[in-house]
Amino acid sequence: MIDAKAAARKAFTGRAPWTYLYLFLIPFINWAYAAVPTIPLPDHGEWTPLAIVTGLVLVVRDFAQREIGHWIFIPLMIGLGISFKMAPAEIAMASAVAFGISETIDWGLFTFLKLPLSKRVFISAAVGSPIDTTVFYLMAATVIPGIFNIWAIGASILSKLLGCVIVYLLMKNRERKAAIAAPIP
């Protein structure tokens, strides 16, 4: 477990690139939801192209949490605070609630599951993505009419899971190589 001093040292000495990327992505994605036009769907819903990239922030979060441990809530709060300045309040609030739920799920899985990191990342995305996405789109629909639909939700969940599978396979391969290279006691 990383203590506060070690987490701060990493963050303030530039040795937490995933944490910085996570901090940047939170307000950027929230701003983009308000700025990027939606595409009308035949069922009268709206689809946002951002549904494809939202999975990136959840995968980056897992790597950031690996860098700074349970202190991941600090960049989350900073990112959400910036979001309230850059995006409509309803989008920022939807993001805050969805992130709060998914972060709590992730925190619990990362804390209590004693599995390899690759499996924790995969399980975390599989459990958190549908919940996070549904909550966000439900709340964001107050500002972006029609966005709460099966196409937007499905694309967002699939992008998160696809990103997660890719990261899982890369991490699994790295864990396998590390196990082979480890000296036998």
C-alpha atoms as a PDB file:
ATOM      1  CA  MET A   1       0.000   0.000   0.000  1.00  0.00           C
ATOM      2  CA  ILE A   2       1.307   3.443  -0.915  1.00  0.00           C
ATOM      3  CA  ASP A   3       1.315   5.980   1.908  1.00  0.00           C
ATOM      4  CA  ALA A   4       0.431   9.657   1.452  1.00  0.00           C
ATOM      5  CA  LYS A   5       4.046  10.788   1.477  1.00  0.00           C
ATOM      6  CA  ALA A   6       5.072   8.329  -1.262  1.00  0.00           C
ATOM      7  CA  ALA A   7       2.029   9.228  -3.382  1.00  0.00           C
ATOM      8  CA  ALA A   8       2.747  12.955  -3.037  1.00  0.00           C
ATOM      9  CA  ARG A   9       6.433  12.428  -3.839  1.00  0.00           C
ATOM     10  CA  LYS A  10       5.517  10.559  -7.016  1.00  0.00           C
ATOM     11  CA  ALA A  11       2.961  13.173  -8.044  1.00  0.00           C
ATOM     12  CA  PHE A  12       5.157  16.200  -7.384  1.00  0.00           C
ATOM     13  CA  THR A  13       8.335  14.788  -8.909  1.00  0.00           C
ATOM     14  CA  GLY A  14       6.759  13.838 -12.219  1.00  0.00           C
ATOM     15  CA  ARG A  15       6.843  10.081 -11.613  1.00  0.00           C
ATOM     16  CA  ALA A  16       3.101   9.564 -11.985  1.00  0.00           C
ATOM     17  CA  PRO A  17       2.355   9.982 -15.713  1.00  0.00           C
ATOM     18  CA  TRP A  18      -0.824   7.881 -15.595  1.00  0.00           C
ATOM     19  CA  THR A  19      -2.112  10.041 -12.743  1.00  0.00           C
ATOM     20  CA  TYR A  20      -1.485  13.200 -14.768  1.00  0.00           C
ATOM     21  CA  LEU A  21      -3.215  11.720 -17.793  1.00  0.00           C
ATOM     22  CA  TYR A  22      -6.169  10.675 -15.625  1.00  0.00           C
ATOM     23  CA  LEU A  23      -6.393  14.163 -14.146  1.00  0.00           C
ATOM     24  CA  PHE A  24      -6.399  15.659 -17.666  1.00  0.00           C
ATOM     25  CA  LEU A  25      -8.934  13.227 -19.144  1.00  0.00           C
ATOM     26  CA  ILE A  26     -11.657  13.813 -16.553  1.00  0.00           C
ATOM     27  CA  PRO A  27     -12.372  17.472 -17.384  1.00  0.00           C
ATOM     28  CA  PHE A  28     -11.489  17.007 -21.068  1.00  0.00           C
ATOM     29  CA  ILE A  29     -14.053  14.259 -21.609  1.00  0.00           C
ATOM     30  CA  ASN A  30     -16.698  16.170 -19.643  1.00  0.00           C
ATOM     31  CA  TRP A  31     -16.049  19.310 -21.699  1.00  0.00           C
ATOM     32  CA  ALA A  32     -16.137  17.273 -24.910  1.00  0.00           C
ATOM     33  CA  TYR A  33     -19.542  15.787 -24.079  1.00  0.00           C
ATOM     34  CA  ALA A  34     -20.943  19.302 -24.152  1.00  0.00           C
ATOM     35  CA  ALA A  35     -18.876  20.452 -27.150  1.00  0.00           C
ATOM     36  CA  VAL A  36     -18.982  17.523 -29.583  1.00  0.00           C
ATOM     37  CA  PRO A  37     -22.240  17.348 -31.545  1.00  0.00           C
ATOM     38  CA  THR A  38     -24.369  14.249 -31.271  1.00  0.00           C
ATOM     39  CA  ILE A  39     -25.576  12.217 -34.234  1.00  0.00           C
ATOM     40  CA  PRO A  40     -29.339  11.639 -34.646  1.00  0.00           C
ATOM     41  CA  LEU A  41     -30.446   8.013 -34.611  1.00  0.00           C
ATOM     42  CA  PRO A  42     -33.419   6.463 -36.452  1.00  0.00           C
ATOM     43  CA  ASP A  43     -35.158   5.770 -33.124  1.00  0.00           C
ATOM     44  CA  HIS A  44     -35.070   9.536 -32.345  1.00  0.00           C
ATOM     45  CA  GLY A  45     -32.232   9.095 -29.865  1.00  0.00           C
ATOM     46  CA  GLU A  46     -28.849  10.744 -30.083  1.00  0.00           C
ATOM     47  CA  TRP A  47     -25.460   9.061 -30.282  1.00  0.00           C
ATOM     48  CA  THR A  48     -22.284  10.742 -29.161  1.00  0.00           C
ATOM     49  CA  PRO A  49     -18.982   9.814 -30.773  1.00  0.00           C
ATOM     50  CA  LEU A  50     -17.424  10.170 -27.327  1.00  0.00           C
ATOM     51  CA  ALA A  51     -19.064   6.886 -26.389  1.00  0.00           C
ATOM     52  CA  ILE A  52     -16.157   5.225 -28.173  1.00  0.00           C
ATOM     53  CA  VAL A  53     -13.390   6.878 -26.140  1.00  0.00           C
ATOM     54  CA  THR A  54     -14.867   6.959 -22.656  1.00  0.00           C
ATOM     55  CA  GLY A  55     -13.327   3.590 -21.846  1.00  0.00           C
ATOM     56  CA  LEU A  56      -9.925   5.194 -21.984  1.00  0.00           C
ATOM     57  CA  VAL A  57     -10.404   7.091 -18.743  1.00  0.00           C
ATOM     58  CA  LEU A  58     -11.342   3.974 -16.764  1.00  0.00           C
ATOM     59  CA  VAL A  59      -8.294   2.046 -17.969  1.00  0.00           C
ATOM     60  CA  VAL A  60      -6.025   5.033 -17.306  1.00  0.00           C
ATOM     61  CA  ARG A  61      -7.545   5.257 -13.829  1.00  0.00           C
ATOM     62  CA  ASP A  62      -6.467   1.694 -13.072  1.00  0.00           C
ATOM     63  CA  PHE A  63      -2.882   2.520 -14.003  1.00  0.00           C
ATOM     64  CA  ALA A  64      -3.015   5.761 -12.007  1.00  0.00           C
ATOM     65  CA  GLN A  65      -4.327   3.848  -9.000  1.00  0.00           C
ATOM     66  CA  ARG A  66      -1.374   1.518  -9.357  1.00  0.00           C
ATOM     67  CA  GLU A  67       0.931   4.561  -9.204  1.00  0.00           C
ATOM     68  CA  ILE A  68      -0.599   6.307  -6.203  1.00  0.00           C
ATOM     69  CA  GLY A  69      -2.798   3.695  -4.537  1.00  0.00           C
ATOM     70  CA  HIS A  70      -5.858   4.732  -2.577  1.00  0.00           C
ATOM     71  CA  TRP A  71      -4.914   8.369  -3.087  1.00  0.00           C
ATOM     72  CA  ILE A  72      -6.571   8.117  -6.511  1.00  0.00           C
ATOM     73  CA  PHE A  73      -9.555   9.982  -5.080  1.00  0.00           C
ATOM     74  CA  ILE A  74      -7.482  13.198  -4.912  1.00  0.00           C
ATOM     75  CA  PRO A  75      -6.896  13.557  -8.682  1.00  0.00           C
ATOM     76  CA  LEU A  76     -10.502  12.454  -9.202  1.00  0.00           C
ATOM     77  CA  MET A  77     -11.759  15.317  -7.022  1.00  0.00           C
ATOM     78  CA  ILE A  78      -9.417  17.812  -8.697  1.00  0.00           C
ATOM     79  CA  GLY A  79     -10.510  16.637 -12.161  1.00  0.00           C
ATOM     80  CA  LEU A  80     -14.161  16.875 -11.230  1.00  0.00           C
ATOM     81  CA  GLY A  81     -13.611  20.347  -9.748  1.00  0.00           C
ATOM     82  CA  ILE A  82     -12.076  21.476 -13.039  1.00  0.00           C
ATOM     83  CA  SER A  83     -14.992  19.827 -14.872  1.00  0.00           C
ATOM     84  CA  PHE A  84     -17.460  22.098 -13.097  1.00  0.00           C
ATOM     85  CA  LYS A  85     -15.551  25.075 -14.583  1.00  0.00           C
ATOM     86  CA  MET A  86     -15.274  23.617 -18.100  1.00  0.00           C
ATOM     87  CA  ALA A  87     -18.530  21.722 -18.691  1.00  0.00           C
ATOM     88  CA  PRO A  88     -22.202  22.324 -17.955  1.00  0.00           C
ATOM     89  CA  ALA A  89     -22.968  21.634 -14.298  1.00  0.00           C
ATOM     90  CA  GLU A  90     -25.322  18.779 -15.240  1.00  0.00           C
ATOM     91  CA  ILE A  91     -22.566  16.996 -17.192  1.00  0.00           C
ATOM     92  CA  ALA A  92     -20.041  17.548 -14.408  1.00  0.00           C
ATOM     93  CA  MET A  93     -22.534  16.281 -11.821  1.00  0.00           C
ATOM     94  CA  ALA A  94     -23.389  13.222 -13.932  1.00  0.00           C
ATOM     95  CA  SER A  95     -19.681  12.533 -14.219  1.00  0.00           C
ATOM     96  CA  ALA A  96     -19.132  13.037 -10.492  1.00  0.00           C
ATOM     97  CA  VAL A  97     -21.887  10.603  -9.546  1.00  0.00           C
ATOM     98  CA  ALA A  98     -20.828   8.009 -12.144  1.00  0.00           C
ATOM     99  CA  PHE A  99     -17.152   8.317 -11.201  1.00  0.00           C
ATOM    100  CA  GLY A 100     -18.028   8.110  -7.519  1.00  0.00           C
ATOM    101  CA  ILE A 101     -19.832   4.835  -8.098  1.00  0.00           C
ATOM    102  CA  SER A 102     -17.195   3.318 -10.381  1.00  0.00           C
ATOM    103  CA  GLU A 103     -14.310   4.513  -8.190  1.00  0.00           C
ATOM    104  CA  THR A 104     -15.905   2.920  -5.143  1.00  0.00           C
ATOM    105  CA  ILE A 105     -16.343  -0.341  -7.050  1.00  0.00           C
ATOM    106  CA  ASP A 106     -12.735  -0.158  -8.266  1.00  0.00           C
ATOM    107  CA  TRP A 107     -11.401   0.711  -4.851  1.00  0.00           C
ATOM    108  CA  GLY A 108     -13.176  -2.281  -3.337  1.00  0.00           C
ATOM    109  CA  LEU A 109     -11.992  -4.655  -6.042  1.00  0.00           C
ATOM    110  CA  PHE A 110      -8.418  -3.380  -5.958  1.00  0.00           C
ATOM    111  CA  THR A 111      -8.338  -3.470  -2.165  1.00  0.00           C
ATOM    112  CA  PHE A 112      -9.955  -6.786  -1.405  1.00  0.00           C
ATOM    113  CA  LEU A 113      -9.280  -9.011  -4.406  1.00  0.00           C
ATOM    114  CA  LYS A 114      -5.904 -10.639  -4.104  1.00  0.00           C
ATOM    115  CA  LEU A 115      -5.556 -11.389  -7.800  1.00  0.00           C
ATOM    116  CA  PRO A 116      -2.929 -10.349 -10.343  1.00  0.00           C
ATOM    117  CA  LEU A 117      -3.314  -6.747 -11.489  1.00  0.00           C
ATOM    118  CA  SER A 118      -4.416  -7.831 -14.957  1.00  0.00           C
ATOM    119  CA  LYS A 119      -7.405  -9.715 -13.543  1.00  0.00           C
ATOM    120  CA  ARG A 120      -8.334  -6.888 -11.170  1.00  0.00           C
ATOM    121  CA  VAL A 121      -8.322  -4.405 -14.072  1.00  0.00           C
ATOM    122  CA  PHE A 122     -10.499  -6.719 -16.150  1.00  0.00           C
ATOM    123  CA  ILE A 123     -13.001  -7.456 -13.374  1.00  0.00           C
ATOM    124  CA  SER A 124     -13.105  -3.798 -12.408  1.00  0.00           C
ATOM    125  CA  ALA A 125     -14.055  -2.722 -15.927  1.00  0.00           C
ATOM    126  CA  ALA A 126     -16.521  -5.567 -16.383  1.00  0.00           C
ATOM    127  CA  VAL A 127     -18.368  -4.653 -13.192  1.00  0.00           C
ATOM    128  CA  GLY A 128     -17.965  -0.869 -13.192  1.00  0.00           C
ATOM    129  CA  SER A 129     -18.449  -0.014 -16.871  1.00  0.00           C
ATOM    130  CA  PRO A 130     -22.142  -0.839 -17.237  1.00  0.00           C
ATOM    131  CA  ILE A 131     -23.022   0.890 -13.972  1.00  0.00           C
ATOM    132  CA  ASP A 132     -20.850   3.965 -14.603  1.00  0.00           C
ATOM    133  CA  THR A 133     -22.114   4.338 -18.162  1.00  0.00           C
ATOM    134  CA  THR A 134     -25.797   3.924 -17.373  1.00  0.00           C
ATOM    135  CA  VAL A 135     -25.691   6.416 -14.502  1.00  0.00           C
ATOM    136  CA  PHE A 136     -23.760   8.975 -16.562  1.00  0.00           C
ATOM    137  CA  TYR A 137     -26.028   8.773 -19.617  1.00  0.00           C
ATOM    138  CA  LEU A 138     -29.183   8.847 -17.523  1.00  0.00           C
ATOM    139  CA  MET A 139     -28.060  12.033 -15.800  1.00  0.00           C
ATOM    140  CA  ALA A 140     -26.466  13.611 -18.909  1.00  0.00           C
ATOM    141  CA  ALA A 141     -29.779  13.216 -20.746  1.00  0.00           C
ATOM    142  CA  THR A 142     -31.029  16.287 -18.844  1.00  0.00           C
ATOM    143  CA  VAL A 143     -28.621  18.395 -20.941  1.00  0.00           C
ATOM    144  CA  ILE A 144     -28.227  16.277 -24.075  1.00  0.00           C
ATOM    145  CA  PRO A 145     -31.745  15.117 -24.966  1.00  0.00           C
ATOM    146  CA  GLY A 146     -31.979  11.640 -26.427  1.00  0.00           C
ATOM    147  CA  ILE A 147     -28.495  10.545 -25.329  1.00  0.00           C
ATOM    148  CA  PHE A 148     -29.868   7.932 -22.938  1.00  0.00           C
ATOM    149  CA  ASN A 149     -30.389   5.152 -25.479  1.00  0.00           C
ATOM    150  CA  ILE A 150     -29.189   1.641 -26.108  1.00  0.00           C
ATOM    151  CA  TRP A 151     -26.770   2.703 -28.881  1.00  0.00           C
ATOM    152  CA  ALA A 152     -24.882   5.293 -26.836  1.00  0.00           C
ATOM    153  CA  ILE A 153     -24.827   3.114 -23.737  1.00  0.00           C
ATOM    154  CA  GLY A 154     -23.845   0.010 -25.695  1.00  0.00           C
ATOM    155  CA  ALA A 155     -21.046   1.764 -27.609  1.00  0.00           C
ATOM    156  CA  SER A 156     -19.662   3.249 -24.425  1.00  0.00           C
ATOM    157  CA  ILE A 157     -19.719  -0.052 -22.529  1.00  0.00           C
ATOM    158  CA  LEU A 158     -18.231  -1.941 -25.479  1.00  0.00           C
ATOM    159  CA  SER A 159     -15.429   0.622 -25.882  1.00  0.00           C
ATOM    160  CA  LYS A 160     -14.630   0.337 -22.184  1.00  0.00           C
ATOM    161  CA  LEU A 161     -14.613  -3.441 -22.316  1.00  0.00           C
ATOM    162  CA  LEU A 162     -12.598  -3.553 -25.540  1.00  0.00           C
ATOM    163  CA  GLY A 163      -9.983  -1.242 -24.055  1.00  0.00           C
ATOM    164  CA  CYS A 164      -9.993  -3.368 -20.945  1.00  0.00           C
ATOM    165  CA  VAL A 165      -9.459  -6.601 -22.895  1.00  0.00           C
ATOM    166  CA  ILE A 166      -6.505  -5.073 -24.746  1.00  0.00           C
ATOM    167  CA  VAL A 167      -4.946  -3.828 -21.515  1.00  0.00           C
ATOM    168  CA  TYR A 168      -5.677  -7.178 -19.835  1.00  0.00           C
ATOM    169  CA  LEU A 169      -3.890  -9.097 -22.581  1.00  0.00           C
ATOM    170  CA  LEU A 170      -0.885  -6.748 -22.506  1.00  0.00           C
ATOM    171  CA  MET A 171      -0.648  -6.935 -18.719  1.00  0.00           C
ATOM    172  CA  LYS A 172      -1.139 -10.698 -18.678  1.00  0.00           C
ATOM    173  CA  ASN A 173       1.714 -11.076 -21.157  1.00  0.00           C
ATOM    174  CA  ARG A 174       3.933  -8.827 -19.010  1.00  0.00           C
ATOM    175  CA  GLU A 175       3.032 -10.785 -15.864  1.00  0.00           C
ATOM    176  CA  ARG A 176       3.823 -14.051 -17.655  1.00  0.00           C
ATOM    177  CA  LYS A 177       7.236 -12.733 -18.770  1.00  0.00           C
ATOM    178  CA  ALA A 178       7.989 -11.486 -15.251  1.00  0.00           C
ATOM    179  CA  ALA A 179       7.084 -14.889 -13.794  1.00  0.00           C
ATOM    180  CA  ILE A 180       9.404 -16.644 -16.238  1.00  0.00           C
ATOM    181  CA  ALA A 181      12.241 -14.217 -15.508  1.00  0.00           C
ATOM    182  CA  ALA A 182      11.826 -14.429 -11.707  1.00  0.00           C
ATOM    183  CA  PRO A 183      14.476 -16.486  -9.965  1.00  0.00           C
ATOM    184  CA  ILE A 184      13.299 -19.711  -8.397  1.00  0.00           C
ATOM    185  CA  PRO A 185      13.826 -19.621  -4.601  1.00  0.00           C
END
